[in-house]
Amino acid sequence: MFSKNLEKILKLSNLPFFTVENVSDALGITYKSASVFCSRYSKQGFLVKLKNNFYTTSQKLENINNKELFTIANILQVPSYISLMTALSYYEITTQVQQNYFECVSLKRTVEYEPDGLFFKYYRFQKKYYFDFDRVNGIFMASKEKAFIDAAYLYSFGKYKFDIDSLDLYKLDKFKLKKLTKIYPEKTKKIVRQLCSI
């Protein structure tokens, strides 16, 4: 019975992820049975648990693209947006490529998820610093200036390391940087001023 059901679930691999509820609906079984199904096939390596109740297939992860990984990053911690070096790499502000490593800003908590060789890191920010992100191709992502300021903010408090030499800071809008940093602590402003000459 489970082999035929697994074939049905593997067809969900066109999605970046699916939930236990999706499995329950697809197989016409109870939520409890669907949860057992996902747990069993995760242990056997056919499914990969992203977090509680969220899964993908190992088949999917072999061919997954960055957009789909960004989508997963958005759902592992809600609300959150992609930022820091991950966003700066997306905007081609940095030459530093983070392979299978994704950094985000969250309102809830600082946490890490490491499903099957992937690494998702979330930094908790106060609500007043949780702004200037948009939905880009269906993905919540910081503007390039905000991604840099997020990094500078954490760096200024010794909570983040990044390769400053890898950054092309000329691609950032100095007027916007100056405007965005107004609400930040002086030590963060100082780093932005020094690095960007504003």
N, C-alpha and C. Protein backbone atom coordinates (compact mmCIF):
# COMPACT_ATOMS: atom_id res chain seq x y z
N MET A 1 0.84 -1.21 0.00
CA MET A 1 0.00 0.00 0.00
C MET A 1 0.87 1.26 0.00
N PHE A 2 1.90 1.28 0.87
CA PHE A 2 2.70 2.48 1.00
C PHE A 2 3.51 2.77 -0.25
N SER A 3 3.92 1.75 -1.03
CA SER A 3 4.73 2.01 -2.22
C SER A 3 3.93 2.79 -3.26
N LYS A 4 2.65 2.43 -3.42
CA LYS A 4 1.80 3.16 -4.37
C LYS A 4 1.55 4.58 -3.85
N ASN A 5 1.36 4.70 -2.57
CA ASN A 5 1.14 6.02 -1.98
C ASN A 5 2.40 6.89 -2.11
N LEU A 6 3.56 6.26 -1.96
CA LEU A 6 4.80 7.01 -2.10
C LEU A 6 4.94 7.57 -3.51
N GLU A 7 4.53 6.78 -4.48
CA GLU A 7 4.57 7.26 -5.88
C GLU A 7 3.72 8.51 -6.03
N LYS A 8 2.57 8.52 -5.39
CA LYS A 8 1.68 9.69 -5.45
C LYS A 8 2.36 10.91 -4.82
N ILE A 9 3.03 10.68 -3.70
CA ILE A 9 3.66 11.79 -2.99
C ILE A 9 4.87 12.31 -3.75
N LEU A 10 5.59 11.41 -4.41
CA LEU A 10 6.76 11.85 -5.18
C LEU A 10 6.34 12.79 -6.31
N LYS A 11 5.09 12.70 -6.72
CA LYS A 11 4.59 13.61 -7.76
C LYS A 11 4.46 15.03 -7.23
N LEU A 12 4.44 15.15 -5.90
CA LEU A 12 4.40 16.49 -5.30
C LEU A 12 5.75 17.20 -5.40
N SER A 13 6.74 16.50 -5.97
CA SER A 13 8.08 17.09 -6.03
C SER A 13 8.16 18.27 -6.99
N ASN A 14 7.06 18.58 -7.68
CA ASN A 14 7.04 19.81 -8.48
C ASN A 14 6.87 21.02 -7.56
N LEU A 15 6.55 20.77 -6.28
CA LEU A 15 6.42 21.84 -5.30
C LEU A 15 7.72 21.95 -4.48
N PRO A 16 8.08 23.15 -4.03
CA PRO A 16 9.28 23.27 -3.20
C PRO A 16 9.15 22.49 -1.89
N PHE A 17 7.92 22.38 -1.38
CA PHE A 17 7.67 21.68 -0.12
C PHE A 17 6.20 21.29 -0.07
N PHE A 18 5.86 20.44 0.87
CA PHE A 18 4.45 20.11 1.10
C PHE A 18 4.27 19.84 2.59
N THR A 19 3.04 19.85 3.02
CA THR A 19 2.72 19.68 4.43
C THR A 19 2.09 18.31 4.68
N VAL A 20 1.99 17.95 5.95
CA VAL A 20 1.31 16.71 6.30
C VAL A 20 -0.14 16.77 5.83
N GLU A 21 -0.74 17.96 5.89
CA GLU A 21 -2.11 18.13 5.40
C GLU A 21 -2.21 17.82 3.90
N ASN A 22 -1.21 18.25 3.13
CA ASN A 22 -1.18 17.95 1.70
C ASN A 22 -1.15 16.44 1.46
N VAL A 23 -0.35 15.74 2.26
CA VAL A 23 -0.24 14.28 2.14
C VAL A 23 -1.57 13.62 2.51
N SER A 24 -2.18 14.11 3.57
CA SER A 24 -3.48 13.60 4.01
C SER A 24 -4.51 13.73 2.90
N ASP A 25 -4.55 14.91 2.25
CA ASP A 25 -5.50 15.15 1.16
C ASP A 25 -5.19 14.29 -0.06
N ALA A 26 -3.89 14.20 -0.42
CA ALA A 26 -3.49 13.48 -1.62
C ALA A 26 -3.78 11.98 -1.51
N LEU A 27 -3.64 11.45 -0.30
CA LEU A 27 -3.81 10.01 -0.11
C LEU A 27 -5.18 9.62 0.45
N GLY A 28 -5.94 10.64 0.85
CA GLY A 28 -7.26 10.35 1.42
C GLY A 28 -7.17 9.61 2.74
N ILE A 29 -6.19 9.99 3.57
CA ILE A 29 -6.01 9.35 4.87
C ILE A 29 -6.08 10.41 5.96
N THR A 30 -6.14 9.97 7.21
CA THR A 30 -6.23 10.92 8.31
C THR A 30 -4.90 11.66 8.49
N TYR A 31 -4.97 12.75 9.19
CA TYR A 31 -3.76 13.53 9.47
C TYR A 31 -2.74 12.68 10.22
N LYS A 32 -3.22 11.91 11.20
CA LYS A 32 -2.33 11.07 12.00
C LYS A 32 -1.62 10.04 11.13
N SER A 33 -2.36 9.41 10.22
CA SER A 33 -1.76 8.41 9.31
C SER A 33 -0.77 9.08 8.36
N ALA A 34 -1.11 10.29 7.91
CA ALA A 34 -0.21 11.03 7.02
C ALA A 34 1.09 11.39 7.73
N SER A 35 0.97 11.73 9.02
CA SER A 35 2.16 12.06 9.81
C SER A 35 3.06 10.84 9.97
N VAL A 36 2.46 9.68 10.19
CA VAL A 36 3.22 8.42 10.30
C VAL A 36 3.88 8.11 8.97
N PHE A 37 3.14 8.31 7.88
CA PHE A 37 3.66 8.08 6.53
C PHE A 37 4.92 8.92 6.28
N CYS A 38 4.83 10.22 6.59
CA CYS A 38 5.96 11.14 6.36
C CYS A 38 7.15 10.76 7.22
N SER A 39 6.89 10.42 8.47
CA SER A 39 7.96 10.04 9.37
C SER A 39 8.66 8.77 8.88
N ARG A 40 7.89 7.79 8.45
CA ARG A 40 8.45 6.52 7.98
C ARG A 40 9.33 6.72 6.75
N TYR A 41 8.83 7.49 5.79
CA TYR A 41 9.60 7.65 4.56
C TYR A 41 10.74 8.66 4.67
N SER A 42 10.68 9.49 5.72
CA SER A 42 11.83 10.35 6.01
C SER A 42 12.98 9.49 6.53
N LYS A 43 12.65 8.54 7.41
CA LYS A 43 13.67 7.65 7.96
C LYS A 43 14.30 6.79 6.86
N GLN A 44 13.51 6.48 5.83
CA GLN A 44 14.02 5.65 4.72
C GLN A 44 14.73 6.48 3.66
N GLY A 45 14.70 7.82 3.80
CA GLY A 45 15.45 8.68 2.89
C GLY A 45 14.70 9.15 1.66
N PHE A 46 13.42 8.79 1.55
CA PHE A 46 12.65 9.23 0.38
C PHE A 46 12.13 10.65 0.55
N LEU A 47 11.79 11.00 1.80
CA LEU A 47 11.32 12.34 2.13
C LEU A 47 12.33 13.02 3.04
N VAL A 48 12.33 14.35 3.03
CA VAL A 48 13.22 15.13 3.90
C VAL A 48 12.35 16.06 4.74
N LYS A 49 12.52 15.96 6.04
CA LYS A 49 11.77 16.83 6.95
C LYS A 49 12.46 18.18 7.03
N LEU A 50 11.73 19.23 6.67
CA LEU A 50 12.27 20.59 6.73
C LEU A 50 12.10 21.17 8.14
N LYS A 51 10.90 20.98 8.69
CA LYS A 51 10.60 21.29 10.08
C LYS A 51 9.31 20.56 10.40
N ASN A 52 8.78 20.72 11.59
CA ASN A 52 7.55 20.01 11.94
C ASN A 52 6.46 20.24 10.90
N ASN A 53 5.95 19.15 10.36
CA ASN A 53 4.83 19.15 9.41
C ASN A 53 5.17 19.64 8.01
N PHE A 54 6.43 19.99 7.76
CA PHE A 54 6.85 20.45 6.43
C PHE A 54 7.91 19.51 5.87
N TYR A 55 7.68 19.07 4.64
CA TYR A 55 8.56 18.08 4.01
C TYR A 55 8.82 18.44 2.56
N THR A 56 9.86 17.83 2.02
CA THR A 56 10.09 17.81 0.58
C THR A 56 10.59 16.42 0.24
N THR A 57 10.83 16.14 -1.02
CA THR A 57 11.36 14.83 -1.38
C THR A 57 12.86 14.92 -1.62
N SER A 58 13.57 13.84 -1.35
CA SER A 58 15.02 13.83 -1.61
C SER A 58 15.27 14.02 -3.10
N GLN A 59 14.34 13.52 -3.90
CA GLN A 59 14.40 13.69 -5.36
C GLN A 59 14.36 15.17 -5.73
N LYS A 60 13.49 15.90 -5.05
CA LYS A 60 13.35 17.33 -5.31
C LYS A 60 14.64 18.08 -4.95
N LEU A 61 15.23 17.74 -3.81
CA LEU A 61 16.42 18.46 -3.36
C LEU A 61 17.61 18.27 -4.29
N GLU A 62 17.62 17.18 -5.03
CA GLU A 62 18.73 16.94 -5.96
C GLU A 62 18.74 17.96 -7.10
N ASN A 63 17.56 18.50 -7.43
CA ASN A 63 17.45 19.41 -8.58
C ASN A 63 16.82 20.75 -8.21
N ILE A 64 16.82 21.07 -6.93
CA ILE A 64 16.14 22.29 -6.49
C ILE A 64 16.92 23.53 -6.91
N ASN A 65 16.20 24.61 -7.24
CA ASN A 65 16.86 25.85 -7.65
C ASN A 65 16.79 26.88 -6.51
N ASN A 66 17.50 27.98 -6.69
CA ASN A 66 17.58 28.99 -5.63
C ASN A 66 16.23 29.60 -5.29
N LYS A 67 15.41 29.85 -6.30
CA LYS A 67 14.09 30.43 -6.04
C LYS A 67 13.28 29.53 -5.11
N GLU A 68 13.34 28.24 -5.35
CA GLU A 68 12.61 27.29 -4.51
C GLU A 68 13.20 27.23 -3.10
N LEU A 69 14.52 27.33 -3.01
CA LEU A 69 15.16 27.36 -1.69
C LEU A 69 14.79 28.62 -0.93
N PHE A 70 14.69 29.75 -1.64
CA PHE A 70 14.26 30.99 -1.01
C PHE A 70 12.81 30.86 -0.51
N THR A 71 11.98 30.17 -1.29
CA THR A 71 10.59 29.94 -0.89
C THR A 71 10.55 29.12 0.40
N ILE A 72 11.38 28.09 0.47
CA ILE A 72 11.47 27.29 1.69
C ILE A 72 11.94 28.14 2.86
N ALA A 73 12.94 29.00 2.61
CA ALA A 73 13.45 29.88 3.66
C ALA A 73 12.34 30.76 4.24
N ASN A 74 11.46 31.23 3.39
CA ASN A 74 10.35 32.08 3.84
C ASN A 74 9.37 31.33 4.73
N ILE A 75 9.17 30.03 4.49
CA ILE A 75 8.14 29.30 5.26
C ILE A 75 8.68 28.63 6.52
N LEU A 76 9.99 28.42 6.59
CA LEU A 76 10.52 27.76 7.78
C LEU A 76 10.36 28.61 9.03
N GLN A 77 10.35 29.93 8.84
CA GLN A 77 10.13 30.85 9.95
C GLN A 77 9.23 31.97 9.42
N VAL A 78 8.02 32.07 9.97
CA VAL A 78 7.05 33.06 9.51
C VAL A 78 6.70 33.97 10.67
N PRO A 79 6.78 35.31 10.49
CA PRO A 79 7.24 36.00 9.28
C PRO A 79 8.76 36.10 9.24
N SER A 80 9.28 36.20 8.04
CA SER A 80 10.72 36.40 7.85
C SER A 80 10.96 36.92 6.45
N TYR A 81 12.14 37.47 6.25
CA TYR A 81 12.54 37.87 4.90
C TYR A 81 14.02 37.55 4.70
N ILE A 82 14.41 37.29 3.49
CA ILE A 82 15.79 36.95 3.15
C ILE A 82 16.62 38.23 3.19
N SER A 83 17.78 38.15 3.82
CA SER A 83 18.59 39.35 4.00
C SER A 83 20.06 38.98 4.10
N LEU A 84 20.85 39.94 4.64
CA LEU A 84 22.27 39.73 4.93
C LEU A 84 23.02 39.28 3.67
N MET A 85 24.00 38.41 3.80
CA MET A 85 24.83 38.05 2.65
C MET A 85 24.07 37.27 1.60
N THR A 86 23.01 36.57 2.00
CA THR A 86 22.20 35.84 1.02
C THR A 86 21.56 36.82 0.04
N ALA A 87 20.96 37.88 0.57
CA ALA A 87 20.34 38.88 -0.30
C ALA A 87 21.40 39.66 -1.08
N LEU A 88 22.51 39.99 -0.44
CA LEU A 88 23.57 40.74 -1.13
C LEU A 88 24.16 39.91 -2.27
N SER A 89 24.20 38.62 -2.09
CA SER A 89 24.65 37.74 -3.18
C SER A 89 23.62 37.73 -4.31
N TYR A 90 22.35 37.69 -3.95
CA TYR A 90 21.26 37.72 -4.95
C TYR A 90 21.35 38.99 -5.79
N TYR A 91 21.64 40.12 -5.14
CA TYR A 91 21.74 41.40 -5.85
C TYR A 91 23.11 41.62 -6.50
N GLU A 92 23.99 40.65 -6.34
CA GLU A 92 25.35 40.72 -6.89
C GLU A 92 26.15 41.89 -6.31
N ILE A 93 25.92 42.12 -5.02
CA ILE A 93 26.68 43.13 -4.28
C ILE A 93 27.96 42.50 -3.73
N THR A 94 27.93 41.18 -3.54
CA THR A 94 29.09 40.48 -3.00
C THR A 94 29.54 39.37 -3.94
N THR A 95 30.82 39.10 -3.90
CA THR A 95 31.38 37.98 -4.67
C THR A 95 31.41 36.72 -3.82
N GLN A 96 31.02 36.86 -2.57
CA GLN A 96 31.02 35.73 -1.65
C GLN A 96 29.75 34.91 -1.86
N VAL A 97 29.89 33.72 -2.39
CA VAL A 97 28.74 32.84 -2.66
C VAL A 97 28.59 31.86 -1.51
N GLN A 98 27.40 31.83 -0.94
CA GLN A 98 27.13 30.94 0.17
C GLN A 98 26.38 29.71 -0.36
N GLN A 99 27.09 28.62 -0.54
CA GLN A 99 26.49 27.42 -1.09
C GLN A 99 25.58 26.74 -0.06
N ASN A 100 24.31 26.60 -0.41
CA ASN A 100 23.33 25.92 0.45
C ASN A 100 23.23 26.54 1.85
N TYR A 101 23.47 27.86 1.92
CA TYR A 101 23.44 28.58 3.19
C TYR A 101 22.57 29.82 3.00
N PHE A 102 21.54 29.94 3.83
CA PHE A 102 20.56 31.01 3.63
C PHE A 102 20.33 31.76 4.93
N GLU A 103 20.42 33.09 4.85
CA GLU A 103 20.29 33.95 6.03
C GLU A 103 19.04 34.82 5.92
N CYS A 104 18.31 34.88 7.02
CA CYS A 104 17.05 35.63 7.02
C CYS A 104 16.91 36.43 8.31
N VAL A 105 16.01 37.38 8.28
CA VAL A 105 15.64 38.16 9.45
C VAL A 105 14.22 37.78 9.83
N SER A 106 14.00 37.60 11.13
CA SER A 106 12.70 37.15 11.62
C SER A 106 12.25 38.01 12.79
N LEU A 107 10.95 38.01 13.02
CA LEU A 107 10.41 38.70 14.19
C LEU A 107 10.34 37.80 15.41
N LYS A 108 10.33 36.49 15.19
CA LYS A 108 10.06 35.57 16.30
C LYS A 108 11.28 35.23 17.14
N ARG A 109 12.26 34.55 16.54
CA ARG A 109 13.40 34.10 17.35
C ARG A 109 14.60 33.84 16.46
N THR A 110 15.77 33.81 17.08
CA THR A 110 16.99 33.40 16.38
C THR A 110 17.03 31.88 16.41
N VAL A 111 17.12 31.28 15.24
CA VAL A 111 17.04 29.82 15.16
C VAL A 111 17.73 29.33 13.90
N GLU A 112 18.12 28.08 13.89
CA GLU A 112 18.75 27.47 12.72
C GLU A 112 18.02 26.19 12.35
N TYR A 113 17.92 25.92 11.05
CA TYR A 113 17.39 24.66 10.55
C TYR A 113 18.44 24.07 9.61
N GLU A 114 18.68 22.78 9.75
CA GLU A 114 19.69 22.12 8.91
C GLU A 114 19.13 20.84 8.29
N PRO A 115 18.21 20.97 7.35
CA PRO A 115 17.67 19.76 6.71
C PRO A 115 18.54 19.28 5.55
N ASP A 116 19.05 18.08 5.68
CA ASP A 116 19.71 17.37 4.58
C ASP A 116 20.77 18.20 3.84
N GLY A 117 21.74 18.73 4.59
CA GLY A 117 22.85 19.45 3.96
C GLY A 117 22.58 20.91 3.65
N LEU A 118 21.37 21.39 3.95
CA LEU A 118 21.04 22.80 3.78
C LEU A 118 21.13 23.49 5.14
N PHE A 119 21.37 24.80 5.12
CA PHE A 119 21.49 25.53 6.38
C PHE A 119 20.69 26.83 6.26
N PHE A 120 19.70 26.98 7.13
CA PHE A 120 18.87 28.18 7.17
C PHE A 120 19.05 28.83 8.54
N LYS A 121 19.50 30.07 8.53
CA LYS A 121 19.76 30.79 9.78
C LYS A 121 18.84 32.01 9.86
N TYR A 122 18.17 32.16 10.99
CA TYR A 122 17.24 33.27 11.20
C TYR A 122 17.73 34.11 12.38
N TYR A 123 17.79 35.42 12.16
CA TYR A 123 18.18 36.35 13.22
C TYR A 123 16.95 37.13 13.65
N ARG A 124 16.68 37.12 14.93
CA ARG A 124 15.53 37.85 15.45
C ARG A 124 15.86 39.33 15.54
N PHE A 125 14.98 40.17 14.95
CA PHE A 125 15.12 41.62 15.03
C PHE A 125 13.93 42.21 15.76
N GLN A 126 14.16 43.31 16.43
CA GLN A 126 13.05 44.06 17.00
C GLN A 126 12.15 44.56 15.87
N LYS A 127 10.90 44.74 16.19
CA LYS A 127 9.92 45.12 15.17
C LYS A 127 10.30 46.43 14.46
N LYS A 128 10.93 47.35 15.20
CA LYS A 128 11.26 48.65 14.59
C LYS A 128 12.33 48.52 13.51
N TYR A 129 13.08 47.42 13.51
CA TYR A 129 14.10 47.19 12.48
C TYR A 129 13.63 46.21 11.40
N TYR A 130 12.38 45.79 11.52
CA TYR A 130 11.83 44.80 10.58
C TYR A 130 11.04 45.55 9.50
N PHE A 131 11.75 46.01 8.47
CA PHE A 131 11.10 46.81 7.43
C PHE A 131 11.97 46.83 6.18
N ASP A 132 11.50 47.49 5.15
CA ASP A 132 12.18 47.67 3.87
C ASP A 132 12.54 46.34 3.19
N PHE A 133 11.52 45.50 3.11
CA PHE A 133 11.63 44.29 2.31
C PHE A 133 10.40 44.23 1.41
N ASP A 134 10.48 43.47 0.38
CA ASP A 134 9.38 43.41 -0.58
C ASP A 134 9.24 41.98 -1.09
N ARG A 135 8.15 41.76 -1.78
CA ARG A 135 7.95 40.44 -2.40
C ARG A 135 8.57 40.48 -3.79
N VAL A 136 9.67 39.75 -3.96
CA VAL A 136 10.40 39.70 -5.23
C VAL A 136 10.20 38.33 -5.83
N ASN A 137 9.47 38.26 -6.95
CA ASN A 137 9.17 36.97 -7.58
C ASN A 137 8.55 35.99 -6.58
N GLY A 138 7.66 36.51 -5.75
CA GLY A 138 6.96 35.67 -4.79
C GLY A 138 7.74 35.38 -3.51
N ILE A 139 8.90 36.01 -3.35
CA ILE A 139 9.77 35.74 -2.20
C ILE A 139 9.98 37.03 -1.42
N PHE A 140 9.84 36.98 -0.10
CA PHE A 140 10.09 38.16 0.74
C PHE A 140 11.59 38.35 0.91
N MET A 141 12.08 39.49 0.42
CA MET A 141 13.51 39.77 0.44
C MET A 141 13.77 41.23 0.76
N ALA A 142 14.83 41.47 1.53
CA ALA A 142 15.22 42.84 1.85
C ALA A 142 15.69 43.56 0.60
N SER A 143 15.57 44.88 0.60
CA SER A 143 16.22 45.67 -0.45
C SER A 143 17.73 45.49 -0.27
N LYS A 144 18.49 45.82 -1.28
CA LYS A 144 19.94 45.62 -1.17
C LYS A 144 20.53 46.51 -0.06
N GLU A 145 19.98 47.71 0.08
CA GLU A 145 20.48 48.61 1.14
C GLU A 145 20.14 48.07 2.53
N LYS A 146 18.91 47.56 2.67
CA LYS A 146 18.50 47.02 3.98
C LYS A 146 19.28 45.76 4.32
N ALA A 147 19.57 44.93 3.32
CA ALA A 147 20.36 43.71 3.56
C ALA A 147 21.73 44.08 4.11
N PHE A 148 22.31 45.13 3.55
CA PHE A 148 23.62 45.59 4.03
C PHE A 148 23.50 46.17 5.44
N ILE A 149 22.48 46.96 5.69
CA ILE A 149 22.31 47.56 7.02
C ILE A 149 22.03 46.48 8.06
N ASP A 150 21.26 45.46 7.70
CA ASP A 150 21.02 44.35 8.62
C ASP A 150 22.34 43.70 9.03
N ALA A 151 23.22 43.51 8.05
CA ALA A 151 24.53 42.91 8.33
C ALA A 151 25.36 43.85 9.20
N ALA A 152 25.37 45.13 8.88
CA ALA A 152 26.14 46.11 9.64
C ALA A 152 25.62 46.23 11.08
N TYR A 153 24.32 46.15 11.22
CA TYR A 153 23.69 46.23 12.55
C TYR A 153 24.17 45.07 13.44
N LEU A 154 24.07 43.85 12.92
CA LEU A 154 24.52 42.69 13.69
C LEU A 154 26.02 42.74 13.94
N TYR A 155 26.76 43.15 12.91
CA TYR A 155 28.22 43.25 13.00
C TYR A 155 28.64 44.26 14.09
N SER A 156 27.91 45.36 14.17
CA SER A 156 28.26 46.41 15.13
C SER A 156 28.11 45.96 16.58
N PHE A 157 27.32 44.89 16.79
CA PHE A 157 27.15 44.35 18.14
C PHE A 157 27.90 43.02 18.31
N GLY A 158 28.77 42.71 17.37
CA GLY A 158 29.57 41.49 17.47
C GLY A 158 28.80 40.21 17.27
N LYS A 159 27.66 40.30 16.59
CA LYS A 159 26.81 39.12 16.41
C LYS A 159 26.87 38.56 14.99
N TYR A 160 27.75 39.11 14.16
CA TYR A 160 27.79 38.69 12.75
C TYR A 160 29.15 39.01 12.16
N LYS A 161 29.63 38.11 11.33
CA LYS A 161 30.89 38.35 10.61
C LYS A 161 30.60 38.29 9.12
N PHE A 162 31.16 39.24 8.39
CA PHE A 162 31.02 39.17 6.94
C PHE A 162 32.25 39.76 6.27
N ASP A 163 32.50 39.31 5.07
CA ASP A 163 33.69 39.71 4.33
C ASP A 163 33.43 41.05 3.65
N ILE A 164 33.85 42.11 4.31
CA ILE A 164 33.61 43.46 3.80
C ILE A 164 34.30 43.67 2.45
N ASP A 165 35.47 43.08 2.28
CA ASP A 165 36.22 43.24 1.03
C ASP A 165 35.52 42.62 -0.17
N SER A 166 34.57 41.73 0.09
CA SER A 166 33.86 41.09 -1.02
C SER A 166 32.70 41.94 -1.54
N LEU A 167 32.43 43.05 -0.86
CA LEU A 167 31.25 43.87 -1.20
C LEU A 167 31.58 44.97 -2.19
N ASP A 168 30.71 45.15 -3.15
CA ASP A 168 30.79 46.28 -4.08
C ASP A 168 29.82 47.35 -3.59
N LEU A 169 30.27 48.16 -2.66
CA LEU A 169 29.40 49.12 -1.99
C LEU A 169 28.95 50.27 -2.90
N TYR A 170 29.61 50.41 -4.05
CA TYR A 170 29.20 51.45 -5.00
C TYR A 170 27.83 51.16 -5.60
N LYS A 171 27.39 49.91 -5.48
CA LYS A 171 26.08 49.54 -6.02
C LYS A 171 24.93 49.89 -5.08
N LEU A 172 25.27 50.40 -3.91
CA LEU A 172 24.25 50.78 -2.93
C LEU A 172 23.92 52.26 -3.06
N ASP A 173 22.67 52.60 -2.80
CA ASP A 173 22.19 53.97 -2.87
C ASP A 173 22.52 54.68 -1.54
N LYS A 174 23.46 55.61 -1.57
CA LYS A 174 23.92 56.28 -0.35
C LYS A 174 22.82 57.09 0.31
N PHE A 175 21.98 57.73 -0.50
CA PHE A 175 20.88 58.52 0.06
C PHE A 175 19.93 57.60 0.83
N LYS A 176 19.63 56.45 0.26
CA LYS A 176 18.73 55.51 0.93
C LYS A 176 19.37 54.95 2.19
N LEU A 177 20.66 54.65 2.13
CA LEU A 177 21.37 54.15 3.32
C LEU A 177 21.26 55.15 4.47
N LYS A 178 21.49 56.41 4.14
CA LYS A 178 21.45 57.46 5.17
C LYS A 178 20.06 57.57 5.77
N LYS A 179 19.05 57.46 4.92
CA LYS A 179 17.66 57.55 5.38
C LYS A 179 17.29 56.36 6.26
N LEU A 180 17.68 55.15 5.83
CA LEU A 180 17.31 53.94 6.57
C LEU A 180 18.00 53.84 7.92
N THR A 181 19.23 54.35 8.02
CA THR A 181 19.99 54.18 9.26
C THR A 181 19.60 55.16 10.36
N LYS A 182 18.71 56.09 10.07
CA LYS A 182 18.33 57.11 11.06
C LYS A 182 17.88 56.52 12.39
N ILE A 183 17.17 55.39 12.35
CA ILE A 183 16.60 54.83 13.58
C ILE A 183 17.56 53.87 14.30
N TYR A 184 18.72 53.62 13.70
CA TYR A 184 19.64 52.62 14.26
C TYR A 184 20.55 53.23 15.32
N PRO A 185 21.13 52.38 16.18
CA PRO A 185 22.08 52.87 17.19
C PRO A 185 23.30 53.53 16.54
N GLU A 186 23.95 54.39 17.28
CA GLU A 186 25.07 55.15 16.75
C GLU A 186 26.20 54.23 16.26
N LYS A 187 26.45 53.13 16.94
CA LYS A 187 27.54 52.25 16.53
C LYS A 187 27.26 51.62 15.15
N THR A 188 25.98 51.40 14.83
CA THR A 188 25.62 50.88 13.51
C THR A 188 25.80 51.98 12.47
N LYS A 189 25.33 53.17 12.79
CA LYS A 189 25.47 54.31 11.87
C LYS A 189 26.94 54.55 11.55
N LYS A 190 27.78 54.45 12.57
CA LYS A 190 29.21 54.71 12.40
C LYS A 190 29.83 53.74 11.40
N ILE A 191 29.48 52.47 11.50
CA ILE A 191 30.02 51.47 10.57
C ILE A 191 29.55 51.74 9.15
N VAL A 192 28.27 52.07 8.99
CA VAL A 192 27.73 52.37 7.65
C VAL A 192 28.40 53.60 7.08
N ARG A 193 28.59 54.63 7.92
CA ARG A 193 29.25 55.85 7.46
C ARG A 193 30.69 55.57 7.02
N GLN A 194 31.40 54.79 7.81
CA GLN A 194 32.79 54.50 7.51
C GLN A 194 32.94 53.69 6.22
N LEU A 195 32.09 52.68 6.07
CA LEU A 195 32.22 51.80 4.91
C LEU A 195 31.71 52.41 3.62
N CYS A 196 30.67 53.26 3.76
CA CYS A 196 30.02 53.79 2.57
C CYS A 196 30.27 55.27 2.34
N SER A 197 31.05 55.89 3.23
CA SER A 197 31.38 57.31 3.09
C SER A 197 30.15 58.19 2.95
N ILE A 198 29.24 58.03 3.90
CA ILE A 198 28.01 58.87 3.87
C ILE A 198 27.99 59.77 5.11
